[in-house]
Amino acid sequence: MNSFGDNIKELRMKKGFSQEVFAKEIGVHVTNLSKYERNLSNPSFEIAQKMAAVLEVSLDTLAYGNDKASSTIQDNELLHLFNKSQKLSKEQQNTVKDLLSAFLFKSNIQQQLTS
């Protein structure tokens, strides 16, 4: 997986933006953009949102590249919840998995009973 800075640079170049043009589009100095691309600094959330909008990608793509869950999970709220759950302890993650498994099991049984 590429670093955040590598993703910014790769996506910027795919769009054909120079650092100067892209920096102006997102409202930062070119020096700051250079630091983001070299992983010396991280942009604020607002700047990252502007980057994603200008590059016409999701924040997830900007942060993680193309090999990620959003390529299969289309509901952004669900994807956000899954991402947040990854920051939980292992025990809490197992609880989330158990709850989701139980809900899906119940839903499957209900479908079978109504069919």
N, C-alpha and C. Protein backbone atom coordinates (compact mmCIF):
# COMPACT_ATOMS: atom_id res chain seq x y z
N MET A 1 0.84 -1.18 0.00
CA MET A 1 0.00 0.00 0.00
C MET A 1 0.89 1.24 0.00
N ASN A 2 0.53 2.19 -0.83
CA ASN A 2 1.27 3.45 -0.90
C ASN A 2 1.02 4.29 0.34
N SER A 3 1.94 5.19 0.61
CA SER A 3 1.75 6.14 1.70
C SER A 3 0.76 7.21 1.25
N PHE A 4 0.25 7.96 2.19
CA PHE A 4 -0.69 9.03 1.90
C PHE A 4 -0.08 10.02 0.91
N GLY A 5 1.17 10.41 1.16
CA GLY A 5 1.85 11.35 0.27
C GLY A 5 2.01 10.80 -1.14
N ASP A 6 2.35 9.51 -1.24
CA ASP A 6 2.47 8.88 -2.56
C ASP A 6 1.14 8.91 -3.30
N ASN A 7 0.05 8.65 -2.56
CA ASN A 7 -1.28 8.67 -3.17
C ASN A 7 -1.62 10.06 -3.71
N ILE A 8 -1.33 11.09 -2.92
CA ILE A 8 -1.60 12.46 -3.36
C ILE A 8 -0.85 12.74 -4.66
N LYS A 9 0.43 12.45 -4.65
CA LYS A 9 1.26 12.73 -5.82
C LYS A 9 0.79 11.94 -7.04
N GLU A 10 0.52 10.67 -6.86
CA GLU A 10 0.08 9.83 -7.98
C GLU A 10 -1.24 10.32 -8.57
N LEU A 11 -2.20 10.63 -7.70
CA LEU A 11 -3.51 11.10 -8.18
C LEU A 11 -3.39 12.48 -8.83
N ARG A 12 -2.56 13.35 -8.25
CA ARG A 12 -2.34 14.68 -8.82
C ARG A 12 -1.76 14.56 -10.22
N MET A 13 -0.77 13.71 -10.37
CA MET A 13 -0.12 13.55 -11.66
C MET A 13 -1.06 12.91 -12.69
N LYS A 14 -1.90 11.98 -12.26
CA LYS A 14 -2.88 11.37 -13.17
C LYS A 14 -3.83 12.42 -13.73
N LYS A 15 -4.14 13.42 -12.91
CA LYS A 15 -5.02 14.51 -13.35
C LYS A 15 -4.27 15.56 -14.18
N GLY A 16 -2.95 15.45 -14.22
CA GLY A 16 -2.16 16.38 -15.01
C GLY A 16 -1.90 17.72 -14.33
N PHE A 17 -2.04 17.77 -13.01
CA PHE A 17 -1.79 19.00 -12.26
C PHE A 17 -0.32 19.10 -11.86
N SER A 18 0.26 20.26 -12.06
CA SER A 18 1.56 20.53 -11.47
C SER A 18 1.33 20.78 -9.98
N GLN A 19 2.41 20.76 -9.20
CA GLN A 19 2.26 21.07 -7.78
C GLN A 19 1.70 22.47 -7.60
N GLU A 20 2.19 23.41 -8.41
CA GLU A 20 1.75 24.80 -8.28
C GLU A 20 0.25 24.94 -8.54
N VAL A 21 -0.23 24.32 -9.60
CA VAL A 21 -1.66 24.43 -9.95
C VAL A 21 -2.52 23.74 -8.90
N PHE A 22 -2.11 22.54 -8.49
CA PHE A 22 -2.89 21.80 -7.50
C PHE A 22 -2.92 22.53 -6.16
N ALA A 23 -1.78 23.06 -5.75
CA ALA A 23 -1.71 23.81 -4.49
C ALA A 23 -2.67 24.99 -4.52
N LYS A 24 -2.70 25.68 -5.64
CA LYS A 24 -3.62 26.83 -5.77
C LYS A 24 -5.07 26.37 -5.71
N GLU A 25 -5.38 25.25 -6.34
CA GLU A 25 -6.75 24.72 -6.36
C GLU A 25 -7.25 24.37 -4.97
N ILE A 26 -6.35 23.86 -4.14
CA ILE A 26 -6.77 23.43 -2.79
C ILE A 26 -6.51 24.49 -1.73
N GLY A 27 -5.91 25.60 -2.13
CA GLY A 27 -5.74 26.73 -1.22
C GLY A 27 -4.59 26.60 -0.24
N VAL A 28 -3.49 25.98 -0.68
CA VAL A 28 -2.30 25.89 0.19
C VAL A 28 -1.09 26.37 -0.60
N HIS A 29 -0.03 26.67 0.12
CA HIS A 29 1.22 27.06 -0.52
C HIS A 29 1.87 25.80 -1.08
N VAL A 30 2.55 25.95 -2.19
CA VAL A 30 3.20 24.81 -2.84
C VAL A 30 4.19 24.10 -1.91
N THR A 31 4.79 24.84 -0.99
CA THR A 31 5.71 24.23 -0.01
C THR A 31 4.97 23.23 0.87
N ASN A 32 3.75 23.60 1.28
CA ASN A 32 2.96 22.68 2.11
C ASN A 32 2.58 21.42 1.32
N LEU A 33 2.18 21.61 0.07
CA LEU A 33 1.83 20.46 -0.76
C LEU A 33 3.03 19.53 -0.90
N SER A 34 4.20 20.11 -1.11
CA SER A 34 5.42 19.31 -1.23
C SER A 34 5.66 18.50 0.04
N LYS A 35 5.42 19.10 1.20
CA LYS A 35 5.59 18.40 2.47
C LYS A 35 4.58 17.26 2.60
N TYR A 36 3.33 17.47 2.14
CA TYR A 36 2.32 16.41 2.18
C TYR A 36 2.78 15.24 1.31
N GLU A 37 3.25 15.55 0.12
CA GLU A 37 3.64 14.50 -0.82
C GLU A 37 4.88 13.73 -0.36
N ARG A 38 5.72 14.38 0.43
CA ARG A 38 6.92 13.71 0.94
C ARG A 38 6.70 13.12 2.33
N ASN A 39 5.46 13.13 2.78
CA ASN A 39 5.08 12.57 4.09
C ASN A 39 5.80 13.24 5.25
N LEU A 40 6.10 14.51 5.09
CA LEU A 40 6.72 15.28 6.16
C LEU A 40 5.68 15.99 7.01
N SER A 41 4.48 16.10 6.45
CA SER A 41 3.39 16.79 7.12
C SER A 41 2.08 16.21 6.60
N ASN A 42 1.02 16.35 7.39
CA ASN A 42 -0.29 15.89 6.96
C ASN A 42 -1.24 17.08 6.87
N PRO A 43 -2.08 17.09 5.84
CA PRO A 43 -3.02 18.20 5.70
C PRO A 43 -4.14 18.10 6.75
N SER A 44 -4.80 19.21 6.97
CA SER A 44 -5.98 19.19 7.83
C SER A 44 -7.07 18.39 7.10
N PHE A 45 -8.08 18.03 7.83
CA PHE A 45 -9.20 17.30 7.23
C PHE A 45 -9.84 18.13 6.12
N GLU A 46 -9.98 19.43 6.35
CA GLU A 46 -10.59 20.32 5.34
C GLU A 46 -9.78 20.33 4.06
N ILE A 47 -8.47 20.40 4.18
CA ILE A 47 -7.60 20.40 3.00
C ILE A 47 -7.67 19.04 2.30
N ALA A 48 -7.70 17.96 3.07
CA ALA A 48 -7.82 16.63 2.48
C ALA A 48 -9.13 16.50 1.71
N GLN A 49 -10.21 17.07 2.25
CA GLN A 49 -11.49 17.06 1.54
C GLN A 49 -11.39 17.83 0.23
N LYS A 50 -10.72 18.98 0.26
CA LYS A 50 -10.54 19.76 -0.97
C LYS A 50 -9.72 18.98 -1.98
N MET A 51 -8.67 18.31 -1.51
CA MET A 51 -7.85 17.49 -2.40
C MET A 51 -8.70 16.43 -3.09
N ALA A 52 -9.47 15.71 -2.29
CA ALA A 52 -10.31 14.64 -2.84
C ALA A 52 -11.30 15.20 -3.85
N ALA A 53 -11.89 16.35 -3.55
CA ALA A 53 -12.87 16.95 -4.46
C ALA A 53 -12.21 17.36 -5.78
N VAL A 54 -11.06 18.02 -5.70
CA VAL A 54 -10.36 18.47 -6.91
C VAL A 54 -9.88 17.28 -7.73
N LEU A 55 -9.44 16.24 -7.05
CA LEU A 55 -8.94 15.04 -7.74
C LEU A 55 -10.07 14.10 -8.15
N GLU A 56 -11.30 14.42 -7.70
CA GLU A 56 -12.49 13.64 -8.02
C GLU A 56 -12.37 12.19 -7.55
N VAL A 57 -11.93 12.04 -6.29
CA VAL A 57 -11.84 10.73 -5.66
C VAL A 57 -12.43 10.84 -4.25
N SER A 58 -12.67 9.70 -3.63
CA SER A 58 -13.13 9.71 -2.24
C SER A 58 -11.94 9.97 -1.32
N LEU A 59 -12.22 10.37 -0.11
CA LEU A 59 -11.16 10.52 0.89
C LEU A 59 -10.47 9.18 1.13
N ASP A 60 -11.25 8.12 1.06
CA ASP A 60 -10.69 6.79 1.25
C ASP A 60 -9.65 6.47 0.18
N THR A 61 -9.96 6.78 -1.06
CA THR A 61 -9.02 6.56 -2.15
C THR A 61 -7.78 7.42 -1.97
N LEU A 62 -7.98 8.66 -1.56
CA LEU A 62 -6.86 9.56 -1.33
C LEU A 62 -5.95 9.01 -0.23
N ALA A 63 -6.55 8.50 0.83
CA ALA A 63 -5.76 8.02 1.96
C ALA A 63 -5.15 6.64 1.74
N TYR A 64 -5.92 5.75 1.12
CA TYR A 64 -5.48 4.35 1.07
C TYR A 64 -5.18 3.82 -0.33
N GLY A 65 -5.45 4.58 -1.35
CA GLY A 65 -5.24 4.09 -2.70
C GLY A 65 -6.43 3.28 -3.18
N ASN A 66 -6.23 2.51 -4.20
CA ASN A 66 -7.35 1.79 -4.82
C ASN A 66 -7.65 0.43 -4.23
N ASP A 67 -6.75 -0.15 -3.46
CA ASP A 67 -6.99 -1.48 -2.91
C ASP A 67 -7.61 -1.36 -1.53
N LYS A 68 -8.91 -1.07 -1.50
CA LYS A 68 -9.57 -0.81 -0.24
C LYS A 68 -11.01 -1.27 -0.26
N ALA A 69 -11.65 -1.19 0.86
CA ALA A 69 -13.02 -1.67 1.01
C ALA A 69 -14.02 -0.88 0.18
N SER A 70 -13.78 0.39 -0.06
CA SER A 70 -14.78 1.17 -0.78
C SER A 70 -15.00 0.70 -2.20
N SER A 71 -14.08 -0.12 -2.72
CA SER A 71 -14.30 -0.67 -4.05
C SER A 71 -15.41 -1.72 -4.02
N THR A 72 -15.74 -2.23 -2.82
CA THR A 72 -16.82 -3.20 -2.72
C THR A 72 -17.96 -2.72 -1.83
N ILE A 73 -17.70 -1.85 -0.88
CA ILE A 73 -18.74 -1.31 0.00
C ILE A 73 -19.19 0.02 -0.57
N GLN A 74 -20.42 0.07 -1.04
CA GLN A 74 -20.90 1.28 -1.71
C GLN A 74 -21.61 2.25 -0.78
N ASP A 75 -22.02 1.79 0.39
CA ASP A 75 -22.68 2.66 1.36
C ASP A 75 -21.60 3.38 2.18
N ASN A 76 -21.45 4.69 1.97
CA ASN A 76 -20.39 5.45 2.64
C ASN A 76 -20.52 5.45 4.15
N GLU A 77 -21.75 5.48 4.67
CA GLU A 77 -21.94 5.47 6.12
C GLU A 77 -21.50 4.13 6.70
N LEU A 78 -21.85 3.05 6.03
CA LEU A 78 -21.43 1.73 6.48
C LEU A 78 -19.91 1.59 6.42
N LEU A 79 -19.32 2.08 5.34
CA LEU A 79 -17.87 2.04 5.21
C LEU A 79 -17.21 2.84 6.33
N HIS A 80 -17.76 4.01 6.63
CA HIS A 80 -17.23 4.86 7.71
C HIS A 80 -17.29 4.12 9.05
N LEU A 81 -18.41 3.43 9.31
CA LEU A 81 -18.55 2.69 10.56
C LEU A 81 -17.55 1.54 10.64
N PHE A 82 -17.35 0.85 9.53
CA PHE A 82 -16.35 -0.23 9.52
C PHE A 82 -14.96 0.33 9.79
N ASN A 83 -14.65 1.46 9.16
CA ASN A 83 -13.34 2.07 9.39
C ASN A 83 -13.16 2.48 10.84
N LYS A 84 -14.20 3.06 11.44
CA LYS A 84 -14.12 3.44 12.85
C LYS A 84 -13.96 2.23 13.75
N SER A 85 -14.62 1.13 13.39
CA SER A 85 -14.55 -0.07 14.24
C SER A 85 -13.16 -0.67 14.24
N GLN A 86 -12.35 -0.37 13.23
CA GLN A 86 -10.99 -0.91 13.19
C GLN A 86 -10.10 -0.30 14.27
N LYS A 87 -10.53 0.82 14.85
CA LYS A 87 -9.75 1.47 15.89
C LYS A 87 -10.10 0.95 17.28
N LEU A 88 -11.08 0.05 17.34
CA LEU A 88 -11.48 -0.54 18.62
C LEU A 88 -10.49 -1.61 19.05
N SER A 89 -10.57 -1.99 20.30
CA SER A 89 -9.73 -3.10 20.79
C SER A 89 -10.17 -4.39 20.08
N LYS A 90 -9.33 -5.40 20.12
CA LYS A 90 -9.66 -6.69 19.49
C LYS A 90 -10.95 -7.26 20.08
N GLU A 91 -11.10 -7.14 21.38
CA GLU A 91 -12.31 -7.65 22.03
C GLU A 91 -13.55 -6.92 21.53
N GLN A 92 -13.45 -5.60 21.41
CA GLN A 92 -14.58 -4.82 20.91
C GLN A 92 -14.85 -5.14 19.43
N GLN A 93 -13.80 -5.36 18.66
CA GLN A 93 -13.99 -5.74 17.26
C GLN A 93 -14.72 -7.07 17.16
N ASN A 94 -14.36 -8.02 18.03
CA ASN A 94 -15.05 -9.31 18.03
C ASN A 94 -16.52 -9.17 18.39
N THR A 95 -16.83 -8.24 19.29
CA THR A 95 -18.22 -7.98 19.65
C THR A 95 -18.99 -7.43 18.45
N VAL A 96 -18.37 -6.50 17.73
CA VAL A 96 -19.00 -5.95 16.52
C VAL A 96 -19.25 -7.07 15.51
N LYS A 97 -18.27 -7.94 15.32
CA LYS A 97 -18.42 -9.07 14.39
C LYS A 97 -19.56 -9.98 14.84
N ASP A 98 -19.62 -10.27 16.15
CA ASP A 98 -20.68 -11.13 16.67
C ASP A 98 -22.06 -10.51 16.45
N LEU A 99 -22.16 -9.21 16.72
CA LEU A 99 -23.44 -8.51 16.51
C LEU A 99 -23.86 -8.54 15.04
N LEU A 100 -22.93 -8.27 14.17
CA LEU A 100 -23.23 -8.26 12.74
C LEU A 100 -23.61 -9.67 12.26
N SER A 101 -22.88 -10.66 12.72
CA SER A 101 -23.18 -12.05 12.36
C SER A 101 -24.57 -12.45 12.85
N ALA A 102 -24.91 -12.09 14.08
CA ALA A 102 -26.22 -12.42 14.64
C ALA A 102 -27.33 -11.72 13.85
N PHE A 103 -27.12 -10.46 13.52
CA PHE A 103 -28.12 -9.72 12.75
C PHE A 103 -28.33 -10.36 11.37
N LEU A 104 -27.24 -10.70 10.69
CA LEU A 104 -27.34 -11.31 9.36
C LEU A 104 -27.99 -12.69 9.44
N PHE A 105 -27.67 -13.44 10.48
CA PHE A 105 -28.29 -14.74 10.68
C PHE A 105 -29.80 -14.60 10.85
N LYS A 106 -30.20 -13.66 11.72
CA LYS A 106 -31.63 -13.41 11.96
C LYS A 106 -32.32 -12.98 10.67
N SER A 107 -31.69 -12.11 9.92
CA SER A 107 -32.27 -11.64 8.65
C SER A 107 -32.43 -12.79 7.67
N ASN A 108 -31.45 -13.67 7.61
CA ASN A 108 -31.50 -14.83 6.72
C ASN A 108 -32.64 -15.77 7.11
N ILE A 109 -32.78 -16.02 8.40
CA ILE A 109 -33.86 -16.88 8.89
C ILE A 109 -35.21 -16.27 8.56
N GLN A 110 -35.37 -14.96 8.77
CA GLN A 110 -36.63 -14.30 8.47
C GLN A 110 -36.97 -14.40 6.97
N GLN A 111 -35.95 -14.25 6.13
CA GLN A 111 -36.16 -14.38 4.69
C GLN A 111 -36.62 -15.78 4.34
N GLN A 112 -36.01 -16.79 4.95
CA GLN A 112 -36.36 -18.17 4.65
C GLN A 112 -37.79 -18.48 5.11
N LEU A 113 -38.22 -17.89 6.22
CA LEU A 113 -39.56 -18.13 6.73
C LEU A 113 -40.63 -17.46 5.89
N THR A 114 -40.28 -16.34 5.27
CA THR A 114 -41.27 -15.63 4.44
C THR A 114 -41.26 -16.09 2.99
N SER A 115 -40.33 -16.94 2.63
CA SER A 115 -40.24 -17.44 1.23
C SER A 115 -41.14 -18.62 1.01
